[in-house]
């Protein structure tokens, strides 16, 4: 399933400064029955967003109208717990295209990269700078440059580099998942296979 190409993302951000946010909190297990990647955004952080009667919890950040954007800034160890890829689906379906944290669970990081959500790991110090910038001004913009692998707080110019696997980087720049990547190489694969048959 192809997704939007990711090059430079400039957006306001939503702060969620909680550590050890696990995949069951991101998308509770009772919502995992669907097999398509659609509709999960409605239940992103479901138990934190809504009361038992389905009314929004005013105290939760996603229900606070002053915060919005395509970037979610989470606390340390974001995406821990089970390997469910539905957690990444929920984040993408809600509208986030980038998650920033000082540490990601490996499986969650890979699941994000597979569907077009860029996980940007920053130092704890830079993470704190981002949170402070957002709290000082909810309209502050964060610039995520995938090609150059940098993340910048637009208002201050503070910047940090981040790492990403070169294969996953190329896929995100082109909007490819693993199948798209192989299909894009179809001609090369056929030429190679034909050469073996000669």
N, C-alpha and C. Protein backbone atom coordinates (compact mmCIF):
# COMPACT_ATOMS: atom_id res chain seq x y z
N UNK A 1 0.85 -1.20 0.00
CA UNK A 1 0.00 0.00 0.00
C UNK A 1 0.88 1.24 0.00
N UNK A 2 0.87 1.97 -1.07
CA UNK A 2 1.66 3.19 -1.15
C UNK A 2 1.07 4.27 -0.24
N UNK A 3 1.89 5.21 0.13
CA UNK A 3 1.44 6.32 0.96
C UNK A 3 2.08 7.60 0.43
N UNK A 4 1.73 8.73 1.04
CA UNK A 4 2.25 10.00 0.59
C UNK A 4 3.76 10.06 0.74
N UNK A 5 4.41 10.68 -0.26
CA UNK A 5 5.86 10.87 -0.17
C UNK A 5 6.18 11.79 1.00
N UNK A 6 7.28 11.52 1.65
CA UNK A 6 7.70 12.33 2.79
C UNK A 6 9.05 12.96 2.43
N UNK A 7 9.10 14.29 2.42
CA UNK A 7 10.37 14.97 2.17
C UNK A 7 10.62 15.95 3.30
N UNK A 8 9.95 17.10 3.26
CA UNK A 8 10.04 18.06 4.35
C UNK A 8 8.64 18.29 4.92
N UNK A 9 8.50 18.10 6.21
CA UNK A 9 7.23 18.32 6.89
C UNK A 9 7.38 19.51 7.83
N UNK A 10 6.57 20.53 7.60
CA UNK A 10 6.55 21.70 8.48
C UNK A 10 5.16 21.76 9.09
N UNK A 11 5.10 21.64 10.40
CA UNK A 11 3.79 21.54 11.05
C UNK A 11 3.87 21.94 12.51
N UNK A 12 2.72 22.34 13.04
CA UNK A 12 2.58 22.46 14.48
C UNK A 12 2.58 21.04 15.06
N UNK A 13 2.64 20.92 16.37
CA UNK A 13 2.78 19.60 16.98
C UNK A 13 1.88 19.44 18.20
N UNK A 14 1.57 18.19 18.49
CA UNK A 14 0.75 17.85 19.65
C UNK A 14 1.66 17.23 20.71
N UNK A 15 1.72 17.81 21.92
CA UNK A 15 2.60 17.28 22.97
C UNK A 15 1.94 16.19 23.82
N UNK A 16 2.63 15.09 23.98
CA UNK A 16 2.16 14.01 24.85
C UNK A 16 3.36 13.54 25.68
N UNK A 17 3.70 14.29 26.72
CA UNK A 17 4.93 14.05 27.47
C UNK A 17 4.84 12.90 28.47
N UNK A 18 4.32 11.78 28.03
CA UNK A 18 4.19 10.63 28.91
C UNK A 18 5.21 9.57 28.51
N UNK A 19 5.88 8.98 29.47
CA UNK A 19 6.86 7.94 29.19
C UNK A 19 6.19 6.58 29.13
N UNK A 20 6.83 5.67 28.40
CA UNK A 20 6.39 4.26 28.31
C UNK A 20 4.96 4.12 27.79
N UNK A 21 4.61 4.92 26.80
CA UNK A 21 3.29 4.78 26.16
C UNK A 21 3.34 3.50 25.33
N UNK A 22 2.50 2.53 25.70
CA UNK A 22 2.57 1.25 25.00
C UNK A 22 1.49 1.14 23.92
N UNK A 23 1.61 0.09 23.12
CA UNK A 23 0.73 -0.04 21.96
C UNK A 23 -0.72 -0.29 22.36
N UNK A 24 -0.96 -0.84 23.54
CA UNK A 24 -2.34 -1.05 23.98
C UNK A 24 -2.99 0.27 24.38
N UNK A 25 -2.18 1.22 24.81
CA UNK A 25 -2.72 2.55 25.10
C UNK A 25 -2.94 3.34 23.80
N UNK A 26 -2.06 3.08 22.82
CA UNK A 26 -2.21 3.76 21.53
C UNK A 26 -3.48 3.29 20.83
N UNK A 27 -3.69 1.96 20.80
CA UNK A 27 -4.91 1.40 20.22
C UNK A 27 -5.30 0.17 21.04
N UNK A 28 -6.32 0.27 21.89
CA UNK A 28 -6.72 -0.85 22.74
C UNK A 28 -7.04 -2.12 21.95
N UNK A 29 -6.78 -3.26 22.58
CA UNK A 29 -6.89 -4.55 21.90
C UNK A 29 -8.28 -4.82 21.33
N UNK A 30 -9.30 -4.27 21.95
CA UNK A 30 -10.66 -4.56 21.48
C UNK A 30 -10.96 -3.95 20.11
N UNK A 31 -10.07 -3.11 19.61
CA UNK A 31 -10.29 -2.49 18.30
C UNK A 31 -9.41 -3.10 17.20
N UNK A 32 -8.89 -4.30 17.44
CA UNK A 32 -7.95 -4.89 16.49
C UNK A 32 -8.58 -5.87 15.52
N UNK A 33 -9.89 -5.93 15.48
CA UNK A 33 -10.55 -6.93 14.63
C UNK A 33 -10.45 -6.60 13.15
N UNK A 34 -10.40 -5.33 12.81
CA UNK A 34 -10.35 -4.94 11.40
C UNK A 34 -9.00 -5.30 10.80
N UNK A 35 -8.99 -5.60 9.52
CA UNK A 35 -7.75 -5.96 8.84
C UNK A 35 -7.28 -4.88 7.87
N UNK A 36 -8.16 -3.93 7.54
CA UNK A 36 -7.76 -2.81 6.70
C UNK A 36 -7.18 -1.71 7.57
N UNK A 37 -6.39 -0.84 6.96
CA UNK A 37 -5.73 0.21 7.71
C UNK A 37 -6.60 1.45 7.88
N UNK A 38 -7.88 1.29 7.83
CA UNK A 38 -8.78 2.44 7.88
C UNK A 38 -9.63 2.42 9.15
N UNK A 39 -9.92 3.60 9.66
CA UNK A 39 -10.82 3.73 10.79
C UNK A 39 -10.16 3.64 12.15
N UNK A 40 -8.87 3.32 12.19
CA UNK A 40 -8.21 3.18 13.48
C UNK A 40 -7.98 4.52 14.17
N UNK A 41 -7.90 5.59 13.38
CA UNK A 41 -7.67 6.90 13.97
C UNK A 41 -8.77 7.32 14.93
N UNK A 42 -9.98 6.84 14.69
CA UNK A 42 -11.10 7.17 15.58
C UNK A 42 -10.87 6.65 16.99
N UNK A 43 -10.07 5.59 17.09
CA UNK A 43 -9.85 4.97 18.40
C UNK A 43 -8.42 5.12 18.90
N UNK A 44 -7.67 6.04 18.29
CA UNK A 44 -6.33 6.34 18.79
C UNK A 44 -6.43 6.88 20.21
N UNK A 45 -5.68 6.27 21.12
CA UNK A 45 -5.71 6.63 22.54
C UNK A 45 -7.14 6.64 23.08
N UNK A 46 -7.94 5.70 22.63
CA UNK A 46 -9.38 5.68 22.93
C UNK A 46 -9.69 5.84 24.42
N UNK A 47 -9.02 5.08 25.27
CA UNK A 47 -9.36 5.11 26.69
C UNK A 47 -8.87 6.37 27.37
N UNK A 48 -7.93 7.05 26.77
CA UNK A 48 -7.47 8.33 27.30
C UNK A 48 -8.31 9.49 26.75
N UNK A 49 -8.86 9.30 25.56
CA UNK A 49 -9.62 10.37 24.90
C UNK A 49 -11.07 10.46 25.34
N UNK A 50 -11.66 9.29 25.70
CA UNK A 50 -13.11 9.26 25.95
C UNK A 50 -13.47 8.63 27.28
N UNK A 51 -14.55 9.13 27.85
CA UNK A 51 -15.14 8.52 29.04
C UNK A 51 -15.92 7.28 28.65
N UNK A 52 -16.42 6.55 29.63
CA UNK A 52 -17.19 5.34 29.36
C UNK A 52 -18.45 5.61 28.55
N UNK A 53 -18.98 6.84 28.65
CA UNK A 53 -20.19 7.18 27.90
C UNK A 53 -19.85 7.80 26.54
N UNK A 54 -18.58 7.68 26.13
CA UNK A 54 -18.10 8.16 24.83
C UNK A 54 -18.01 9.68 24.71
N UNK A 55 -18.13 10.38 25.83
CA UNK A 55 -17.91 11.82 25.79
C UNK A 55 -16.40 12.08 25.91
N UNK A 56 -15.91 13.10 25.21
CA UNK A 56 -14.47 13.39 25.24
C UNK A 56 -14.00 13.82 26.63
N UNK A 57 -12.81 13.37 27.00
CA UNK A 57 -12.19 13.82 28.23
C UNK A 57 -11.46 15.13 27.94
N UNK A 58 -11.94 16.21 28.54
CA UNK A 58 -11.39 17.52 28.23
C UNK A 58 -9.91 17.64 28.60
N UNK A 59 -9.46 16.82 29.54
CA UNK A 59 -8.09 16.94 30.02
C UNK A 59 -7.07 16.31 29.07
N UNK A 60 -7.54 15.49 28.09
CA UNK A 60 -6.59 14.82 27.21
C UNK A 60 -6.20 15.72 26.05
N UNK A 61 -4.93 15.69 25.71
CA UNK A 61 -4.38 16.66 24.76
C UNK A 61 -5.05 16.63 23.39
N UNK A 62 -5.46 15.46 22.91
CA UNK A 62 -6.09 15.40 21.58
C UNK A 62 -7.47 16.07 21.58
N UNK A 63 -8.01 16.29 22.75
CA UNK A 63 -9.30 16.97 22.86
C UNK A 63 -9.14 18.46 23.16
N UNK A 64 -7.89 18.92 23.19
CA UNK A 64 -7.61 20.32 23.47
C UNK A 64 -7.41 21.05 22.14
N UNK A 65 -8.31 21.95 21.77
CA UNK A 65 -8.27 22.59 20.44
C UNK A 65 -7.06 23.47 20.20
N UNK A 66 -6.30 23.82 21.24
CA UNK A 66 -5.14 24.69 21.00
C UNK A 66 -3.97 23.90 20.41
N UNK A 67 -4.04 22.57 20.48
CA UNK A 67 -2.97 21.75 19.92
C UNK A 67 -3.46 21.00 18.69
N UNK A 68 -2.68 21.07 17.64
CA UNK A 68 -3.02 20.35 16.41
C UNK A 68 -1.75 20.17 15.59
N UNK A 69 -1.88 19.49 14.46
CA UNK A 69 -0.74 19.33 13.58
C UNK A 69 -0.50 17.89 13.18
N UNK A 70 0.49 17.69 12.35
CA UNK A 70 0.81 16.37 11.83
C UNK A 70 1.97 15.70 12.56
N UNK A 71 2.43 16.34 13.63
CA UNK A 71 3.55 15.81 14.41
C UNK A 71 3.09 15.54 15.84
N UNK A 72 3.35 14.34 16.31
CA UNK A 72 3.06 13.96 17.70
C UNK A 72 4.39 13.87 18.43
N UNK A 73 4.51 14.60 19.53
CA UNK A 73 5.74 14.57 20.32
C UNK A 73 5.46 13.78 21.59
N UNK A 74 6.06 12.61 21.69
CA UNK A 74 5.81 11.73 22.82
C UNK A 74 6.98 11.69 23.79
N UNK A 75 6.74 11.06 24.93
CA UNK A 75 7.79 10.90 25.93
C UNK A 75 8.70 9.72 25.60
N UNK A 76 9.62 9.45 26.48
CA UNK A 76 10.61 8.39 26.30
C UNK A 76 9.95 7.01 26.22
N UNK A 77 10.51 6.14 25.40
CA UNK A 77 10.06 4.76 25.23
C UNK A 77 8.64 4.70 24.67
N UNK A 78 8.43 5.43 23.59
CA UNK A 78 7.13 5.47 22.94
C UNK A 78 6.94 4.23 22.08
N UNK A 79 5.76 3.58 22.21
CA UNK A 79 5.44 2.42 21.39
C UNK A 79 5.93 1.10 21.96
N UNK A 80 6.12 1.05 23.26
CA UNK A 80 6.55 -0.20 23.88
C UNK A 80 5.38 -1.18 23.94
N UNK A 81 5.64 -2.39 24.41
CA UNK A 81 4.58 -3.38 24.54
C UNK A 81 4.51 -4.33 23.38
N UNK A 82 3.31 -4.68 22.97
CA UNK A 82 3.13 -5.70 21.94
C UNK A 82 3.57 -5.19 20.57
N UNK A 83 3.67 -6.12 19.63
CA UNK A 83 4.19 -5.79 18.29
C UNK A 83 3.09 -5.33 17.34
N UNK A 84 1.88 -5.12 17.82
CA UNK A 84 0.75 -4.83 16.92
C UNK A 84 1.02 -3.64 16.01
N UNK A 85 0.92 -3.89 14.71
CA UNK A 85 1.13 -2.81 13.74
C UNK A 85 -0.05 -1.86 13.70
N UNK A 86 -1.17 -2.26 14.29
CA UNK A 86 -2.35 -1.41 14.33
C UNK A 86 -2.07 -0.08 15.04
N UNK A 87 -1.09 -0.08 15.96
CA UNK A 87 -0.75 1.16 16.66
C UNK A 87 -0.24 2.19 15.68
N UNK A 88 0.64 1.77 14.78
CA UNK A 88 1.14 2.68 13.74
C UNK A 88 0.01 3.08 12.79
N UNK A 89 -0.86 2.12 12.47
CA UNK A 89 -2.00 2.42 11.58
C UNK A 89 -2.87 3.52 12.20
N UNK A 90 -3.12 3.42 13.51
CA UNK A 90 -3.98 4.38 14.19
C UNK A 90 -3.37 5.78 14.15
N UNK A 91 -2.07 5.86 14.36
CA UNK A 91 -1.39 7.16 14.33
C UNK A 91 -1.47 7.76 12.92
N UNK A 92 -1.23 6.94 11.90
CA UNK A 92 -1.31 7.41 10.52
C UNK A 92 -2.73 7.82 10.16
N UNK A 93 -3.69 6.98 10.52
CA UNK A 93 -5.09 7.23 10.16
C UNK A 93 -5.63 8.49 10.85
N UNK A 94 -5.10 8.80 12.03
CA UNK A 94 -5.54 10.01 12.72
C UNK A 94 -5.05 11.27 12.00
N UNK A 95 -3.93 11.13 11.31
CA UNK A 95 -3.40 12.28 10.57
C UNK A 95 -1.97 12.65 10.90
N UNK A 96 -1.36 11.94 11.84
CA UNK A 96 0.03 12.22 12.17
C UNK A 96 0.93 11.60 11.10
N UNK A 97 1.98 12.33 10.72
CA UNK A 97 2.95 11.82 9.75
C UNK A 97 4.33 11.69 10.36
N UNK A 98 4.47 12.13 11.60
CA UNK A 98 5.76 12.05 12.28
C UNK A 98 5.51 11.93 13.78
N UNK A 99 6.28 11.06 14.42
CA UNK A 99 6.27 10.94 15.88
C UNK A 99 7.68 11.21 16.37
N UNK A 100 7.81 12.09 17.34
CA UNK A 100 9.11 12.45 17.90
C UNK A 100 9.20 11.93 19.32
N UNK A 101 10.32 11.31 19.66
CA UNK A 101 10.53 10.80 21.01
C UNK A 101 12.03 10.68 21.26
N UNK A 102 12.39 10.61 22.53
CA UNK A 102 13.81 10.41 22.85
C UNK A 102 14.18 8.93 22.81
N UNK A 103 13.18 8.06 22.67
CA UNK A 103 13.45 6.63 22.50
C UNK A 103 12.19 5.92 22.02
N UNK A 104 12.36 5.04 21.02
CA UNK A 104 11.25 4.25 20.48
C UNK A 104 11.50 2.76 20.70
N UNK A 105 10.41 2.02 20.91
CA UNK A 105 10.51 0.56 20.86
C UNK A 105 10.79 0.18 19.41
N UNK A 106 11.72 -0.76 19.20
CA UNK A 106 12.19 -1.09 17.85
C UNK A 106 11.07 -1.54 16.91
N UNK A 107 10.19 -2.43 17.40
CA UNK A 107 9.14 -2.96 16.53
C UNK A 107 8.17 -1.86 16.13
N UNK A 108 7.83 -1.00 17.08
CA UNK A 108 6.95 0.12 16.76
C UNK A 108 7.60 1.04 15.74
N UNK A 109 8.88 1.32 15.90
CA UNK A 109 9.60 2.17 14.95
C UNK A 109 9.51 1.60 13.54
N UNK A 110 9.77 0.30 13.42
CA UNK A 110 9.72 -0.35 12.10
C UNK A 110 8.32 -0.36 11.52
N UNK A 111 7.32 -0.58 12.36
CA UNK A 111 5.94 -0.56 11.88
C UNK A 111 5.58 0.81 11.33
N UNK A 112 6.04 1.86 11.99
CA UNK A 112 5.79 3.23 11.50
C UNK A 112 6.44 3.44 10.15
N UNK A 113 7.70 3.05 10.03
CA UNK A 113 8.43 3.24 8.78
C UNK A 113 7.79 2.48 7.63
N UNK A 114 7.16 1.36 7.95
CA UNK A 114 6.54 0.54 6.90
C UNK A 114 5.27 1.16 6.32
N UNK A 115 4.67 2.12 7.03
CA UNK A 115 3.40 2.67 6.54
C UNK A 115 3.43 4.17 6.30
N UNK A 116 4.60 4.79 6.44
CA UNK A 116 4.69 6.21 6.12
C UNK A 116 4.63 7.18 7.27
N UNK A 117 4.83 6.68 8.50
CA UNK A 117 4.97 7.57 9.65
C UNK A 117 6.45 7.62 10.01
N UNK A 118 7.02 8.80 10.06
CA UNK A 118 8.44 8.93 10.34
C UNK A 118 8.69 9.04 11.84
N UNK A 119 9.38 8.05 12.44
CA UNK A 119 9.75 8.15 13.85
C UNK A 119 11.09 8.87 13.96
N UNK A 120 11.10 10.01 14.62
CA UNK A 120 12.32 10.81 14.76
C UNK A 120 12.79 10.73 16.21
N UNK A 121 13.92 10.08 16.40
CA UNK A 121 14.47 9.96 17.75
C UNK A 121 15.46 11.09 18.00
N UNK A 122 15.22 11.83 19.07
CA UNK A 122 16.06 12.97 19.42
C UNK A 122 16.65 12.74 20.81
N UNK A 123 17.58 13.58 21.20
CA UNK A 123 18.15 13.49 22.54
C UNK A 123 17.12 13.95 23.56
N UNK A 124 17.25 13.50 24.81
CA UNK A 124 16.32 13.96 25.85
C UNK A 124 16.33 15.48 25.98
N UNK A 125 17.49 16.09 25.79
CA UNK A 125 17.60 17.54 25.92
C UNK A 125 16.82 18.26 24.81
N UNK A 126 16.95 17.74 23.59
CA UNK A 126 16.22 18.38 22.48
C UNK A 126 14.73 18.12 22.60
N UNK A 127 14.37 16.95 23.08
CA UNK A 127 12.96 16.65 23.32
C UNK A 127 12.35 17.67 24.28
N UNK A 128 13.08 17.99 25.32
CA UNK A 128 12.60 18.97 26.29
C UNK A 128 12.46 20.35 25.65
N UNK A 129 13.41 20.70 24.77
CA UNK A 129 13.31 21.98 24.06
C UNK A 129 12.04 22.04 23.22
N UNK A 130 11.72 20.94 22.56
CA UNK A 130 10.52 20.91 21.72
C UNK A 130 9.26 21.08 22.57
N UNK A 131 9.19 20.33 23.67
CA UNK A 131 8.02 20.45 24.55
C UNK A 131 7.87 21.89 25.05
N UNK A 132 8.97 22.49 25.48
CA UNK A 132 8.92 23.85 26.00
C UNK A 132 8.46 24.84 24.93
N UNK A 133 8.94 24.64 23.69
CA UNK A 133 8.57 25.53 22.59
C UNK A 133 7.07 25.42 22.31
N UNK A 134 6.53 24.20 22.35
CA UNK A 134 5.10 23.99 22.10
C UNK A 134 4.27 24.61 23.21
N UNK A 135 4.70 24.42 24.46
CA UNK A 135 3.93 24.97 25.58
C UNK A 135 4.00 26.50 25.60
N UNK A 136 5.13 27.05 25.18
CA UNK A 136 5.25 28.52 25.12
C UNK A 136 4.35 29.10 24.02
N UNK A 137 4.24 28.36 22.92
CA UNK A 137 3.42 28.81 21.79
C UNK A 137 2.90 27.59 21.03
N UNK A 138 1.65 27.22 21.23
CA UNK A 138 1.08 26.06 20.54
C UNK A 138 1.13 26.17 19.02
N UNK A 139 1.33 27.38 18.50
CA UNK A 139 1.42 27.57 17.05
C UNK A 139 2.84 27.44 16.52
N UNK A 140 3.77 27.13 17.39
CA UNK A 140 5.15 26.97 16.94
C UNK A 140 5.25 25.80 15.97
N UNK A 141 6.08 25.96 14.96
CA UNK A 141 6.21 24.93 13.94
C UNK A 141 7.52 24.15 14.10
N UNK A 142 7.42 22.88 13.80
CA UNK A 142 8.58 22.00 13.79
C UNK A 142 8.82 21.63 12.32
N UNK A 143 10.07 21.67 11.91
CA UNK A 143 10.43 21.33 10.53
C UNK A 143 11.22 20.03 10.54
N UNK A 144 10.66 19.02 9.89
CA UNK A 144 11.32 17.72 9.80
C UNK A 144 11.77 17.52 8.36
N UNK A 145 13.07 17.49 8.16
CA UNK A 145 13.66 17.36 6.83
C UNK A 145 14.24 15.95 6.70
N UNK A 146 13.52 15.09 5.99
CA UNK A 146 13.97 13.70 5.88
C UNK A 146 15.22 13.58 5.03
N UNK A 147 15.27 14.30 3.91
CA UNK A 147 16.43 14.20 3.02
C UNK A 147 17.73 14.51 3.77
N UNK A 148 17.70 15.57 4.58
CA UNK A 148 18.90 15.99 5.31
C UNK A 148 18.95 15.44 6.74
N UNK A 149 17.89 14.72 7.12
CA UNK A 149 17.81 14.06 8.43
C UNK A 149 18.00 15.05 9.58
N UNK A 150 17.23 16.14 9.53
CA UNK A 150 17.28 17.13 10.60
C UNK A 150 15.88 17.46 11.08
N UNK A 151 15.79 17.86 12.33
CA UNK A 151 14.54 18.35 12.91
C UNK A 151 14.86 19.70 13.55
N UNK A 152 14.02 20.70 13.24
CA UNK A 152 14.31 22.07 13.65
C UNK A 152 13.09 22.71 14.30
N UNK A 153 13.32 23.44 15.37
CA UNK A 153 12.27 24.26 15.97
C UNK A 153 12.32 25.59 15.24
N UNK A 154 11.33 25.86 14.43
CA UNK A 154 11.38 27.01 13.52
C UNK A 154 11.59 28.34 14.25
N UNK A 155 10.94 28.51 15.38
CA UNK A 155 10.99 29.79 16.08
C UNK A 155 12.37 30.12 16.62
N UNK A 156 13.12 29.11 17.02
CA UNK A 156 14.43 29.36 17.65
C UNK A 156 15.60 28.98 16.75
N UNK A 157 15.33 28.15 15.75
CA UNK A 157 16.41 27.66 14.90
C UNK A 157 17.17 26.50 15.50
N UNK A 158 16.79 26.09 16.70
CA UNK A 158 17.45 24.94 17.33
C UNK A 158 17.23 23.71 16.47
N UNK A 159 18.29 22.95 16.26
CA UNK A 159 18.22 21.83 15.31
C UNK A 159 19.01 20.63 15.82
N UNK A 160 18.54 19.47 15.43
CA UNK A 160 19.26 18.24 15.76
C UNK A 160 19.12 17.27 14.59
N UNK A 161 20.13 16.44 14.40
CA UNK A 161 20.09 15.41 13.36
C UNK A 161 19.50 14.13 13.92
N UNK A 162 18.93 13.31 13.03
CA UNK A 162 18.40 12.02 13.46
C UNK A 162 18.84 10.94 12.49
N UNK A 163 18.84 9.71 12.97
CA UNK A 163 19.25 8.57 12.15
C UNK A 163 18.03 7.87 11.55
N UNK A 164 18.26 7.27 10.39
CA UNK A 164 17.23 6.44 9.76
C UNK A 164 17.92 5.47 8.83
N UNK A 165 17.41 4.25 8.77
CA UNK A 165 17.92 3.24 7.85
C UNK A 165 17.80 3.76 6.42
N UNK A 166 18.87 3.61 5.63
CA UNK A 166 18.90 4.19 4.28
C UNK A 166 17.81 3.61 3.38
N UNK A 167 17.53 2.32 3.52
CA UNK A 167 16.47 1.70 2.71
C UNK A 167 15.10 2.29 3.05
N UNK A 168 14.83 2.42 4.35
CA UNK A 168 13.55 2.98 4.78
C UNK A 168 13.45 4.45 4.39
N UNK A 169 14.56 5.15 4.46
CA UNK A 169 14.57 6.56 4.06
C UNK A 169 14.19 6.70 2.59
N UNK A 170 14.78 5.89 1.75
CA UNK A 170 14.50 5.95 0.32
C UNK A 170 13.04 5.63 0.04
N UNK A 171 12.51 4.62 0.76
CA UNK A 171 11.11 4.27 0.59
C UNK A 171 10.18 5.42 0.98
N UNK A 172 10.49 6.08 2.09
CA UNK A 172 9.62 7.17 2.55
C UNK A 172 9.70 8.37 1.60
N UNK A 173 10.88 8.65 1.07
CA UNK A 173 11.02 9.74 0.12
C UNK A 173 10.19 9.50 -1.14
N UNK A 174 10.02 8.22 -1.49
CA UNK A 174 9.27 7.86 -2.69
C UNK A 174 7.83 7.45 -2.42
N UNK A 175 7.46 7.35 -1.14
CA UNK A 175 6.11 6.91 -0.80
C UNK A 175 5.90 5.43 -1.02
N UNK A 176 6.98 4.64 -0.87
CA UNK A 176 6.91 3.20 -1.12
C UNK A 176 6.78 2.41 0.18
N UNK A 177 6.01 1.32 0.14
CA UNK A 177 6.16 0.29 1.15
C UNK A 177 7.05 -0.78 0.53
N UNK A 178 7.26 -1.90 1.23
CA UNK A 178 8.18 -2.92 0.73
C UNK A 178 7.74 -3.50 -0.62
N UNK A 179 6.43 -3.67 -0.79
CA UNK A 179 5.92 -4.23 -2.05
C UNK A 179 6.10 -3.24 -3.19
N UNK A 180 5.82 -1.96 -2.92
CA UNK A 180 6.04 -0.93 -3.93
C UNK A 180 7.49 -0.91 -4.38
N UNK A 181 8.39 -1.06 -3.41
CA UNK A 181 9.82 -1.03 -3.72
C UNK A 181 10.18 -2.15 -4.70
N UNK A 182 9.65 -3.35 -4.43
CA UNK A 182 9.93 -4.48 -5.31
C UNK A 182 9.28 -4.29 -6.68
N UNK A 183 8.07 -3.76 -6.70
CA UNK A 183 7.40 -3.52 -7.99
C UNK A 183 8.15 -2.48 -8.81
N UNK A 184 8.74 -1.51 -8.13
CA UNK A 184 9.51 -0.49 -8.82
C UNK A 184 10.78 -1.07 -9.46
N UNK A 185 11.23 -2.20 -8.90
CA UNK A 185 12.42 -2.87 -9.42
C UNK A 185 12.08 -4.02 -10.35
N UNK A 186 10.82 -4.10 -10.74
CA UNK A 186 10.36 -5.24 -11.53
C UNK A 186 11.22 -5.48 -12.77
N UNK A 187 11.53 -4.40 -13.49
CA UNK A 187 12.33 -4.55 -14.71
C UNK A 187 13.71 -5.12 -14.41
N UNK A 188 14.34 -4.62 -13.35
CA UNK A 188 15.66 -5.11 -12.97
C UNK A 188 15.61 -6.56 -12.53
N UNK A 189 14.55 -6.90 -11.80
CA UNK A 189 14.41 -8.29 -11.33
C UNK A 189 14.21 -9.22 -12.52
N UNK A 190 13.37 -8.82 -13.48
CA UNK A 190 13.14 -9.66 -14.65
C UNK A 190 14.41 -9.82 -15.49
N UNK A 191 15.17 -8.74 -15.63
CA UNK A 191 16.42 -8.81 -16.38
C UNK A 191 17.39 -9.77 -15.70
N UNK A 192 17.48 -9.69 -14.38
CA UNK A 192 18.37 -10.57 -13.62
C UNK A 192 17.93 -12.02 -13.75
N UNK A 193 16.58 -12.24 -13.61
CA UNK A 193 16.06 -13.61 -13.70
C UNK A 193 16.28 -14.18 -15.08
N UNK A 194 16.08 -13.39 -16.13
CA UNK A 194 16.30 -13.86 -17.50
C UNK A 194 17.75 -14.21 -17.74
N UNK A 195 18.63 -13.44 -17.10
CA UNK A 195 20.07 -13.72 -17.24
C UNK A 195 20.44 -15.06 -16.64
N UNK A 196 19.77 -15.44 -15.57
CA UNK A 196 20.04 -16.74 -14.94
C UNK A 196 19.56 -17.89 -15.81
N UNK A 197 18.53 -17.62 -16.63
CA UNK A 197 17.96 -18.68 -17.44
C UNK A 197 18.76 -18.93 -18.74
N UNK A 198 19.63 -17.99 -19.06
CA UNK A 198 20.40 -18.14 -20.32
C UNK A 198 21.52 -19.15 -20.17
